Protein backbone atom coordinates (compact mmCIF):
# COMPACT_ATOMS: atom_id res chain seq x y z
CA MET A 1 -13.11 12.54 3.06
CA ALA A 2 -13.30 11.73 -0.64
CA GLU A 3 -12.67 8.12 -1.64
CA ARG A 4 -9.10 7.64 -2.79
CA THR A 5 -6.89 5.02 -4.29
CA LEU A 6 -3.14 4.55 -4.10
CA ARG A 7 -1.16 5.04 -7.30
CA LEU A 8 2.35 3.57 -7.55
CA TYR A 9 4.91 3.05 -10.29
CA ASN A 10 4.90 -0.64 -11.20
CA THR A 11 8.31 -1.90 -12.30
CA LEU A 12 6.64 -4.87 -13.96
CA THR A 13 4.52 -2.78 -16.37
CA ARG A 14 6.75 0.36 -16.45
CA GLU A 15 3.67 2.47 -15.64
CA THR A 16 2.17 4.34 -12.70
CA GLU A 17 -1.01 2.47 -11.86
CA SER A 18 -3.85 2.53 -9.37
CA VAL A 19 -3.29 -0.36 -6.98
CA GLU A 20 -6.32 -2.63 -6.97
CA PRO A 21 -6.02 -5.17 -4.14
CA ILE A 22 -7.03 -8.72 -4.93
CA GLU A 23 -9.24 -8.63 -1.85
CA GLU A 24 -11.13 -5.34 -1.97
CA GLY A 25 -9.97 -2.93 0.70
CA HIS A 26 -7.16 -5.19 1.94
CA LEU A 27 -3.58 -4.63 0.77
CA ARG A 28 -1.27 -7.60 1.26
CA PHE A 29 2.37 -6.93 0.52
CA TYR A 30 5.94 -8.10 1.07
CA SER A 31 9.08 -6.02 1.35
CA CYS A 32 12.61 -7.40 1.28
CA GLY A 33 14.33 -6.90 4.60
CA PRO A 34 18.05 -6.85 5.39
CA THR A 35 20.77 -9.45 5.69
CA VAL A 36 21.81 -9.11 9.32
CA TYR A 37 25.59 -9.26 8.95
CA ASN A 38 26.18 -5.63 9.99
CA TYR A 39 24.34 -2.47 10.96
CA ALA A 40 21.91 -1.37 8.25
CA HIS A 41 22.89 1.89 6.53
CA ILE A 42 20.71 4.85 5.61
CA GLY A 43 20.37 3.60 2.02
CA ASN A 44 18.86 0.36 3.34
CA PHE A 45 16.48 2.34 5.51
CA ARG A 46 15.37 4.48 2.58
CA SER A 47 14.01 1.29 1.03
CA PHE A 48 12.44 0.13 4.30
CA LEU A 49 10.87 3.58 4.62
CA THR A 50 9.13 3.17 1.26
CA ALA A 51 7.36 0.07 2.56
CA ASP A 52 6.43 1.95 5.73
CA LEU A 53 4.89 4.75 3.68
CA ILE A 54 2.91 2.28 1.57
CA LEU A 55 1.59 0.80 4.81
CA ARG A 56 0.68 4.18 6.31
CA THR A 57 -0.93 5.53 3.15
CA ALA A 58 -2.97 2.38 2.61
CA ARG A 59 -4.30 2.61 6.16
CA ALA A 60 -4.99 6.34 5.78
CA ILE A 61 -7.34 5.69 2.85
CA GLY A 62 -9.18 3.07 4.87
CA TRP A 63 -7.62 -0.18 3.68
CA ASP A 64 -6.74 -3.11 5.90
CA THR A 65 -3.14 -4.24 5.53
CA THR A 66 -1.08 -7.38 5.92
CA TYR A 67 2.61 -6.59 5.69
CA VAL A 68 5.51 -9.07 5.71
CA SER A 69 9.21 -8.16 5.79
CA ASN A 70 11.90 -10.79 6.19
CA ILE A 71 15.27 -11.09 7.86
CA THR A 72 17.95 -12.89 5.84
CA ASP A 73 20.35 -14.79 8.08
CA VAL A 74 21.70 -17.41 5.69
CA GLY A 75 22.38 -17.90 1.99
CA HIS A 76 23.11 -14.32 0.87
CA LEU A 77 26.45 -14.53 -0.94
CA THR A 78 28.88 -11.70 -1.57
CA GLN A 79 28.59 -11.60 -5.37
CA ASP A 80 24.85 -10.98 -5.28
CA ASP A 81 24.77 -9.03 -8.55
CA LEU A 82 25.23 -12.30 -10.44
CA VAL A 83 22.37 -14.47 -11.65
CA ASP A 84 23.82 -17.32 -9.61
CA PRO A 85 25.79 -15.61 -6.81
CA SER A 86 29.23 -16.87 -5.90
CA GLY A 87 31.57 -15.91 -3.10
CA GLU A 88 31.23 -16.31 0.65
CA ASP A 89 28.04 -16.25 2.67
CA ARG A 90 27.76 -12.74 4.09
CA MET A 91 26.95 -14.11 7.54
CA ALA A 92 30.03 -16.35 7.64
CA GLU A 93 32.18 -13.49 6.34
CA ALA A 94 30.85 -11.27 9.15
CA LEU A 95 31.68 -13.83 11.83
CA GLU A 96 35.22 -14.03 10.52
CA ARG A 97 35.42 -10.23 10.55
CA GLU A 98 34.13 -9.94 14.11
CA GLY A 99 36.72 -12.30 15.52
CA GLU A 100 35.89 -13.56 19.02
CA ARG A 101 33.10 -11.07 19.66
CA PHE A 102 30.40 -13.70 19.07
CA ALA A 103 30.33 -17.32 20.15
CA ASN A 104 28.77 -18.45 16.88
CA ILE A 105 27.01 -17.25 13.77
CA TYR A 106 23.59 -17.40 15.43
CA ASP A 107 24.71 -15.00 18.16
CA LEU A 108 25.93 -12.62 15.48
CA ALA A 109 22.58 -12.81 13.68
CA ARG A 110 20.69 -12.10 16.90
CA TYR A 111 22.89 -9.12 17.74
CA TYR A 112 22.46 -7.41 14.38
CA SER A 113 18.76 -8.31 14.25
CA ASP A 114 18.29 -6.57 17.60
CA ALA A 115 20.28 -3.58 16.32
CA LEU A 116 18.08 -3.46 13.23
CA LEU A 117 14.91 -3.33 15.33
CA ARG A 118 16.26 -0.51 17.50
CA ASP A 119 17.09 1.55 14.42
CA TRP A 120 13.77 0.57 12.83
CA HIS A 121 11.85 1.86 15.83
CA ALA A 122 14.03 4.96 16.23
CA LEU A 123 13.03 6.00 12.70
CA ASN A 124 9.35 5.43 13.48
CA LEU A 125 8.96 2.52 11.07
CA ARG A 126 5.95 0.41 11.91
CA ASP A 127 6.50 -3.27 12.45
CA PRO A 128 5.29 -5.75 9.83
CA ASN A 129 2.61 -8.24 10.77
CA VAL A 130 5.21 -10.97 10.31
CA ARG A 131 9.01 -10.69 10.25
CA PRO A 132 10.13 -14.19 9.22
CA ARG A 133 13.75 -15.35 9.30
CA ALA A 134 15.29 -17.48 6.59
CA THR A 135 16.78 -19.94 9.11
CA GLU A 136 13.34 -20.53 10.63
CA HIS A 137 11.87 -21.55 7.27
CA VAL A 138 14.48 -23.91 5.87
CA THR A 139 12.02 -26.83 5.86
CA ASP A 140 9.58 -24.69 3.84
CA GLN A 141 12.35 -23.82 1.41
CA LEU A 142 13.41 -27.45 1.05
CA GLU A 143 9.82 -28.46 0.30
CA ALA A 144 9.67 -25.80 -2.39
CA VAL A 145 12.94 -26.96 -3.95
CA ILE A 146 11.73 -30.57 -3.99
CA CYS A 147 8.49 -29.40 -5.63
CA LEU A 148 10.42 -27.51 -8.32
CA VAL A 149 12.59 -30.56 -9.06
CA GLU A 150 9.58 -32.85 -9.27
CA SER A 151 7.75 -30.46 -11.62
CA GLY A 152 10.74 -30.19 -13.96
CA HIS A 153 11.62 -26.59 -13.10
CA ALA A 154 14.81 -27.57 -11.29
CA TYR A 155 17.53 -30.22 -11.34
CA ALA A 156 20.38 -31.42 -9.14
CA THR A 157 24.13 -31.62 -9.74
CA ASP A 158 27.01 -32.68 -7.52
CA LYS A 159 27.22 -29.10 -6.22
CA GLY A 160 23.63 -28.09 -5.73
CA VAL A 161 20.11 -27.79 -7.07
CA TYR A 162 19.40 -25.24 -9.80
CA PHE A 163 16.33 -23.55 -11.21
CA SER A 164 16.07 -24.10 -14.95
CA VAL A 165 15.59 -20.68 -16.53
CA GLU A 166 14.62 -22.38 -19.80
CA SER A 167 11.52 -23.72 -18.03
CA ALA A 168 10.32 -20.15 -17.33
CA PRO A 169 9.45 -18.56 -20.70
CA ASP A 170 8.72 -15.15 -19.11
CA TYR A 171 12.05 -14.97 -17.28
CA GLY A 172 13.34 -11.40 -17.64
CA LYS A 173 9.96 -9.67 -17.78
CA LEU A 174 10.57 -7.70 -14.57
CA SER A 175 14.07 -6.43 -15.31
CA GLY A 176 13.94 -6.48 -19.11
CA ASN A 177 16.94 -8.82 -19.23
CA ARG A 178 15.36 -11.33 -21.56
CA GLU A 179 18.16 -12.20 -23.93
CA ALA A 180 20.37 -15.13 -23.03
CA GLU A 181 23.43 -13.10 -23.95
CA GLN A 182 22.50 -10.41 -21.43
CA LEU A 183 21.95 -12.91 -18.68
CA GLN A 184 25.14 -14.81 -19.39
CA ALA A 185 27.10 -11.54 -19.35
CA THR A 186 26.11 -10.99 -15.74
CA GLU A 187 27.89 -14.21 -14.83
CA ARG A 188 31.28 -12.55 -15.47
CA GLU A 189 34.22 -14.88 -15.30
CA VAL A 190 33.39 -16.78 -12.15
CA VAL A 191 33.89 -20.44 -11.38
CA GLU A 192 30.74 -22.22 -12.52
CA ASP A 193 29.28 -25.60 -11.76
CA GLU A 194 30.14 -27.68 -14.78
CA GLY A 195 26.98 -29.64 -14.19
CA LYS A 196 24.73 -26.66 -14.84
CA ARG A 197 22.67 -27.02 -17.99
CA ASP A 198 22.56 -23.30 -18.71
CA PRO A 199 24.82 -20.53 -17.32
CA ARG A 200 21.65 -18.52 -16.55
CA ASP A 201 20.36 -21.16 -14.11
CA PHE A 202 20.56 -20.15 -10.44
CA ALA A 203 21.01 -22.11 -7.23
CA LEU A 204 18.05 -23.09 -5.09
CA TRP A 205 20.17 -25.23 -2.76
CA LYS A 206 23.94 -25.27 -2.35
CA LEU A 207 25.70 -28.41 -1.20
CA ASP A 208 28.42 -27.67 1.35
CA ASP A 209 29.44 -29.97 4.20
CA ASP A 210 31.59 -27.25 5.75
CA HIS A 211 29.16 -24.33 5.77
CA LEU A 212 28.60 -22.82 9.23
CA MET A 213 24.83 -23.03 8.77
CA LYS A 214 23.80 -26.27 7.11
CA TRP A 215 20.83 -28.59 6.92
CA HIS A 216 20.34 -32.06 5.55
CA SER A 217 18.51 -32.37 2.25
CA PRO A 218 17.73 -35.20 -0.18
CA TRP A 219 20.94 -34.21 -1.98
CA GLY A 220 23.18 -33.90 1.06
CA TRP A 221 24.20 -31.28 3.61
CA GLY A 222 23.93 -27.68 2.50
CA TYR A 223 21.96 -24.46 2.72
CA PRO A 224 19.32 -22.62 0.68
CA GLY A 225 20.07 -20.11 -2.04
CA TRP A 226 19.25 -16.47 -1.38
CA HIS A 227 16.42 -16.09 -3.92
CA ILE A 228 14.23 -18.95 -2.75
CA GLU A 229 13.65 -17.61 0.77
CA CYS A 230 11.52 -14.62 -0.25
CA SER A 231 9.40 -16.67 -2.64
CA VAL A 232 8.70 -19.22 0.07
CA MET A 233 8.11 -16.82 2.96
CA GLY A 234 6.01 -14.45 0.89
CA MET A 235 3.62 -17.20 -0.17
CA ARG A 236 3.77 -18.83 3.27
CA TYR A 237 2.25 -15.75 4.92
CA LEU A 238 0.40 -13.98 2.10
CA GLY A 239 -0.83 -16.83 -0.09
CA ASP A 240 -0.09 -17.75 -3.70
CA ARG A 241 -1.68 -14.51 -4.90
CA PHE A 242 -0.90 -11.24 -3.16
CA ASP A 243 -0.78 -7.63 -4.19
CA LEU A 244 2.62 -6.03 -4.03
CA HIS A 245 6.33 -6.59 -3.48
CA ALA A 246 8.74 -3.77 -2.54
CA GLY A 247 12.51 -3.44 -2.27
CA GLY A 248 15.56 -1.52 -3.42
CA GLU A 249 16.31 -1.08 -7.12
CA ASP A 250 19.45 -3.20 -6.73
CA LEU A 251 17.16 -6.20 -6.12
CA ILE A 252 15.30 -5.99 -9.43
CA PHE A 253 17.89 -8.21 -11.04
CA PRO A 254 18.69 -10.89 -10.27
CA HIS A 255 16.93 -11.32 -6.89
CA HIS A 256 13.39 -10.26 -7.76
CA GLU A 257 13.60 -11.63 -11.30
CA CYS A 258 14.42 -15.01 -9.80
CA GLU A 259 11.58 -14.62 -7.30
CA VAL A 260 9.09 -14.08 -10.12
CA ALA A 261 10.28 -17.24 -11.90
CA GLN A 262 10.15 -19.33 -8.71
CA ASN A 263 6.76 -17.95 -7.66
CA GLU A 264 5.10 -18.70 -10.95
CA ALA A 265 6.70 -22.13 -11.25
CA LEU A 266 5.47 -23.05 -7.77
CA ALA A 267 1.99 -21.55 -8.08
CA GLY A 268 1.31 -22.13 -11.76
CA HIS A 269 0.15 -18.53 -12.27
CA GLU A 270 1.15 -14.91 -11.61
CA VAL A 271 1.59 -14.35 -7.89
CA ILE A 272 2.38 -10.62 -7.55
CA PRO A 273 1.01 -7.99 -9.99
CA TYR A 274 2.71 -4.87 -8.52
CA TRP A 275 6.46 -4.41 -7.92
CA VAL A 276 7.76 -1.20 -6.30
CA HIS A 277 11.45 -0.29 -6.14
CA THR A 278 13.32 2.48 -4.33
CA ARG A 279 16.17 4.25 -6.12
CA PHE A 280 19.71 4.51 -4.81
CA LEU A 281 20.85 7.07 -2.27
CA GLN A 282 23.98 9.19 -2.65
CA VAL A 283 25.73 11.17 0.06
CA GLU A 284 26.94 14.67 -0.81
CA GLY A 285 26.69 13.84 -4.51
CA GLU A 286 28.75 10.65 -4.38
CA LYS A 287 28.02 6.96 -4.07
CA MET A 288 28.01 5.98 -0.42
CA SER A 289 31.13 3.95 0.39
CA LYS A 290 33.39 3.33 3.36
CA SER A 291 36.47 4.23 1.34
CA LYS A 292 35.09 7.72 0.74
CA GLY A 293 34.16 8.19 4.38
CA ASN A 294 30.51 8.94 3.56
CA PHE A 295 29.01 5.61 4.61
CA TYR A 296 26.48 6.20 7.39
CA THR A 297 24.47 3.80 9.48
CA VAL A 298 21.45 5.09 11.36
CA ARG A 299 23.33 4.95 14.65
CA ASP A 300 26.21 6.96 13.16
CA LEU A 301 23.81 9.89 12.87
CA ILE A 302 21.46 9.51 15.85
CA ALA A 303 23.89 8.17 18.47
CA PRO A 304 27.43 8.62 17.13
CA ASP A 305 30.56 7.37 18.80
CA PRO A 306 32.33 10.60 19.83
CA ASN A 307 35.65 9.09 18.73
CA ASP A 308 34.48 7.98 15.27
CA GLU A 309 36.03 10.57 12.96
CA HIS A 310 34.16 9.39 9.88
CA VAL A 311 30.98 10.89 11.39
CA PRO A 312 30.81 14.67 10.73
CA GLU A 313 32.18 16.63 13.67
CA ALA A 314 29.04 18.77 13.98
CA ILE A 315 26.92 15.66 14.50
CA ARG A 316 29.38 14.18 17.00
CA GLN A 317 29.52 17.41 18.97
CA GLN A 318 25.76 17.59 19.36
CA GLY A 319 25.53 13.93 20.33
CA GLY A 320 23.56 12.96 17.22
CA VAL A 321 20.43 14.21 15.51
CA ASP A 322 16.80 13.59 16.36
CA PRO A 323 15.85 10.28 14.66
CA LEU A 324 12.70 11.97 13.34
CA ALA A 325 14.91 14.56 11.62
CA LEU A 326 16.72 11.72 9.86
CA ARG A 327 13.38 10.22 8.85
CA TYR A 328 12.25 13.64 7.58
CA ALA A 329 15.47 14.01 5.57
CA LEU A 330 14.96 10.60 3.93
CA LEU A 331 11.38 11.60 3.12
CA SER A 332 12.49 14.80 1.40
CA GLY A 333 13.21 12.93 -1.83
CA GLN A 334 10.60 10.79 -3.59
CA TYR A 335 11.44 7.08 -3.47
CA ARG A 336 11.44 6.69 -7.26
CA LYS A 337 14.11 9.32 -7.90
CA PRO A 338 17.81 9.17 -7.03
CA PHE A 339 18.30 10.99 -3.73
CA ASN A 340 21.28 13.06 -2.65
CA PHE A 341 21.54 12.99 1.13
CA THR A 342 23.42 16.02 2.48
CA LEU A 343 24.17 17.46 5.88
CA LYS A 344 22.30 20.59 4.80
CA THR A 345 19.20 18.46 4.17
CA LEU A 346 19.64 16.97 7.62
CA ARG A 347 19.96 20.41 9.25
CA ASP A 348 16.90 21.70 7.40
CA SER A 349 14.99 18.59 8.43
CA SER A 350 15.97 19.11 12.08
CA ARG A 351 14.51 22.61 11.96
CA ALA A 352 11.32 21.37 10.31
CA VAL A 353 10.77 18.65 12.91
CA LYS A 354 11.45 21.17 15.68
CA ARG A 355 8.59 23.31 14.33
CA TYR A 356 6.18 20.39 14.71
CA GLN A 357 7.47 19.66 18.20
CA ASP A 358 7.17 23.29 19.28
CA ILE A 359 3.57 23.40 18.08
CA GLN A 360 2.81 20.14 19.85
CA GLU A 361 4.26 21.50 23.11
CA ARG A 362 2.14 24.64 22.85
CA VAL A 363 -0.96 22.57 22.12
CA GLU A 364 -0.46 20.33 25.15
CA GLU A 365 0.17 23.32 27.40
CA ALA A 366 -3.06 24.93 26.19
CA LEU A 367 -5.07 21.77 26.81
CA ALA A 368 -3.57 21.37 30.26
CA ALA A 369 -4.58 24.93 31.14
CA GLU A 370 -8.06 24.77 29.57
CA PRO A 371 -9.21 21.21 28.89
CA ASP A 372 -12.82 22.07 28.07
CA GLY A 373 -14.25 23.87 25.08
CA THR A 374 -17.04 23.64 22.56
CA GLY A 375 -17.60 24.45 18.92
CA GLU A 376 -15.43 24.20 15.85
CA SER A 377 -12.12 26.01 15.64
CA ASP A 378 -11.50 28.55 12.89
CA LEU A 379 -8.37 26.50 12.23
CA THR A 380 -10.32 23.34 11.39
CA SER A 381 -10.86 24.06 7.71
CA LYS A 382 -7.22 25.13 7.19
CA LEU A 383 -5.90 22.04 8.91
CA ARG A 384 -8.32 19.77 7.05
CA GLU A 385 -7.18 21.32 3.76
CA SER A 386 -3.54 20.76 4.73
CA TYR A 387 -4.13 17.11 5.60
CA GLU A 388 -6.18 16.40 2.47
CA ALA A 389 -3.40 17.85 0.30
CA THR A 390 -0.81 15.81 2.21
CA LEU A 391 -2.76 12.59 1.69
CA ASP A 392 -3.37 13.43 -1.99
CA ALA A 393 0.40 13.74 -2.47
CA MET A 394 1.05 10.42 -0.77
CA CYS A 395 -1.57 8.70 -2.92
CA ASP A 396 0.21 10.10 -5.98
CA ASP A 397 3.09 7.60 -6.09
CA LEU A 398 4.27 8.53 -2.58
CA ASN A 399 5.11 12.10 -3.53
CA THR A 400 6.81 12.84 -0.21
CA PRO A 401 8.23 16.28 -1.18
CA GLY A 402 4.70 17.38 -2.04
CA ALA A 403 3.33 15.82 1.13
CA LEU A 404 5.88 17.57 3.36
CA ALA A 405 5.15 20.90 1.69
CA ALA A 406 1.39 20.45 2.17
CA ALA A 407 1.83 19.49 5.81
CA LEU A 408 3.98 22.58 6.45
CA GLN A 409 1.02 24.73 5.43
CA GLY A 410 -0.74 23.39 8.50
CA VAL A 411 2.29 24.18 10.66
CA LYS A 412 2.34 27.75 9.35
CA ALA A 413 -1.35 28.19 10.13
CA LEU A 414 -0.76 27.01 13.70
CA GLU A 415 2.33 29.18 14.17
CA GLN A 416 0.25 32.26 13.38
CA VAL A 417 -2.00 31.64 16.40
CA ASP A 418 -0.83 33.70 19.36
CA THR A 419 -2.84 31.85 22.00
CA PHE A 420 -4.59 28.53 21.55
CA THR A 421 -8.11 28.18 22.89
CA ALA A 422 -9.13 24.72 24.02
CA THR A 423 -11.07 24.31 20.77
CA ASP A 424 -8.06 25.37 18.70
CA ALA A 425 -5.79 23.06 20.65
CA ARG A 426 -8.04 20.04 20.17
CA ALA A 427 -8.18 20.66 16.42
CA ALA A 428 -4.39 21.04 16.33
CA ARG A 429 -3.83 17.89 18.37
CA ALA A 430 -6.06 15.86 16.02
CA TRP A 431 -4.24 17.27 12.98
CA LEU A 432 -0.80 16.51 14.44
CA SER A 433 -1.93 12.96 15.17
CA ASP A 434 -3.21 12.50 11.60
CA ILE A 435 0.03 13.86 10.12
CA ASN A 436 2.07 11.61 12.36
CA ASP A 437 -0.02 8.58 11.38
CA LEU A 438 0.62 9.36 7.72
CA LEU A 439 4.22 10.58 7.71
CA GLY A 440 5.63 9.59 11.11
CA ILE A 441 7.49 12.87 11.64
CA VAL A 442 5.84 14.49 14.67
CA GLN A 443 6.51 12.20 17.63
CA PRO A 444 8.02 8.76 18.34
CA GLU A 445 5.65 5.81 18.07
CA HIS A 446 7.87 3.29 19.89
CA GLU A 447 9.34 3.14 23.34
CA ALA A 448 12.94 4.34 23.29
CA SER A 449 14.18 1.31 25.20
CA GLU A 450 13.49 -1.92 23.32
CA ARG A 451 16.79 -3.68 23.79
CA THR A 452 17.51 -7.15 25.05
CA ASP A 453 19.80 -5.63 27.70
CA GLY A 454 17.12 -3.15 28.81
CA LYS A 455 19.09 -0.09 27.72
CA ASP A 456 18.58 2.45 24.99
CA GLU A 457 21.13 4.63 23.23
CA ASP A 458 20.60 7.50 25.70
CA ASP A 459 21.37 5.13 28.56
CA GLU A 460 24.64 4.12 26.92
CA PHE A 461 25.57 7.75 26.28
CA ALA A 462 24.81 8.68 29.91
CA GLU A 463 26.88 5.77 31.19
CA ARG A 464 29.87 6.89 29.10
CA VAL A 465 29.52 10.43 30.38
CA GLU A 466 29.17 9.41 34.04
CA ALA A 467 32.22 7.14 33.78
CA LEU A 468 34.31 9.96 32.34
CA ILE A 469 33.12 12.42 35.00
CA GLU A 470 34.03 9.94 37.72
CA GLU A 471 37.45 9.39 36.14
CA ARG A 472 37.93 13.17 35.93
CA ALA A 473 37.06 13.54 39.63
CA ASP A 474 39.60 10.85 40.54
CA ALA A 475 42.24 12.56 38.40
CA ARG A 476 41.62 15.91 40.10
CA ALA A 477 41.75 14.31 43.54
CA ASP A 478 45.12 12.79 42.63
CA GLY A 479 46.41 16.14 41.34
CA ASN A 480 46.57 14.85 37.76
CA TYR A 481 45.14 18.02 36.24
CA ASP A 482 46.43 17.32 32.73
CA ARG A 483 44.34 14.14 32.64
CA ALA A 484 41.35 15.95 34.14
CA ASP A 485 41.57 18.66 31.46
CA ALA A 486 41.88 16.03 28.72
CA ILE A 487 38.72 14.31 29.95
CA ARG A 488 36.87 17.63 29.99
CA ASP A 489 37.95 18.22 26.39
CA GLU A 490 36.68 14.76 25.50
CA LEU A 491 33.33 15.48 27.13
CA ASP A 492 33.14 18.78 25.26
CA ALA A 493 33.75 16.95 21.98
CA MET A 494 30.86 14.62 22.88
CA GLY A 495 28.55 17.62 23.11
CA VAL A 496 28.41 17.58 26.92
CA ASP A 497 28.33 20.76 28.99
CA VAL A 498 30.02 20.08 32.37
CA LYS A 499 29.31 22.34 35.35
CA ASP A 500 31.36 22.16 38.56
CA SER A 501 29.96 23.60 41.79
CA ALA A 502 30.34 23.25 45.53
CA ASP A 503 27.63 20.59 45.42
CA GLY A 504 29.50 18.50 42.85
CA THR A 505 29.61 18.11 39.09
CA THR A 506 26.54 18.12 36.86
CA TRP A 507 26.23 17.78 33.11
CA GLU A 508 23.77 18.18 30.26
CA ARG A 509 23.81 17.79 26.50
CA LYS A 510 24.45 20.94 24.54
CA GLY A 511 21.61 22.20 22.36
CA LEU A 512 21.26 20.40 19.04
């Protein structure tokens, strides 16, 4: 295999560049994770998928990797498009929304963190080397804030501690928002701390005796600002010089701009030379929003509630789509271009994934029947050419549409084989494994059941079905046939085929 490098668009320089790791052959990078106040939606996962593809591509070209992605469980305020966010902490707001469902805010954070990991694994995202939580690194953040105050990059008021933007002459170089007027405009007309020296300054520590999550600091009880956590955790696990930082385009300003300022003030030099950002996702040509009914979480699509009418009926009827089909659909648009997610794309992706799975089934059947064989398959060169083209596309700024097209050439070559010899099957199995390592679209890489309660989504679905079938049997025994018919209709809407016989009632999911 020819030596390759990974080329990515660098937001900092506005150019597509060859990534040159600080330590030769070892990519160290950080990607912003979610705030765990709700289920992550498919737009969030498009950004997480970009980091996963960077990881896979780097490994495919022979690099070692160290990958860090955080969990935010404190300090992320609702008005996060402002330089210095105002509003309510998203975690506290979620606890108020959830009512008595959780005993406290930490239980809520654990629940949605667990949900995130299940969705993460369902979509075949590989785990980072470290997944730090903001609440587990408050001492680190406090030490950083104290350091910034002592070095003159920050100051305290009666309401908090603020980073002094004036002390960072390069502030704005990532986003392009360099002019004071531009930065002040993003403040809108919000209540400001009168003690702030400059409206552009942003909070490192917020003083609040009543906050649900609070820690004692030299300035009083409070909690860290949102921006400081990623600076601290990135350098905590990757050092004060590392290669790359990824995230969604909505984080460029102010979150990542503030990170750059904090990083360089703490380290005294540039910390991260490459910044990679994923563009927004639309659904059926419109911005995703709950008011428009086109706001989808991962679980909405792979394990939908049969009674949730905001999920398309076709998806509810079939009991959800294959998670790998959803991954394939999100891959069908390059990360750096706006992506329109449609149900047609999802259907097409389901068919594409099924082609891989059908080939894999045929390959395993052939190897089971004839495990031995010698020589090189006539398919080897075609499959090698397909993989090389797929990897070339991924090295070219994660050109996923090109990569999927190149990989499908290998599928077509395999589909033309009437009967696999053992030699053919071994070549096909190796190719499928390589494609899965690179794109993650052939077979699951995680166990389906990785829940704290020991269940997976299929278990939950089966339990709902069994309970309804038992209720239907009781209704029939009592002569309540209207109720029994209503339950059967409900099961039909869930995509369940019920069969009654003399031996009892059985069921199975209808074909997807």
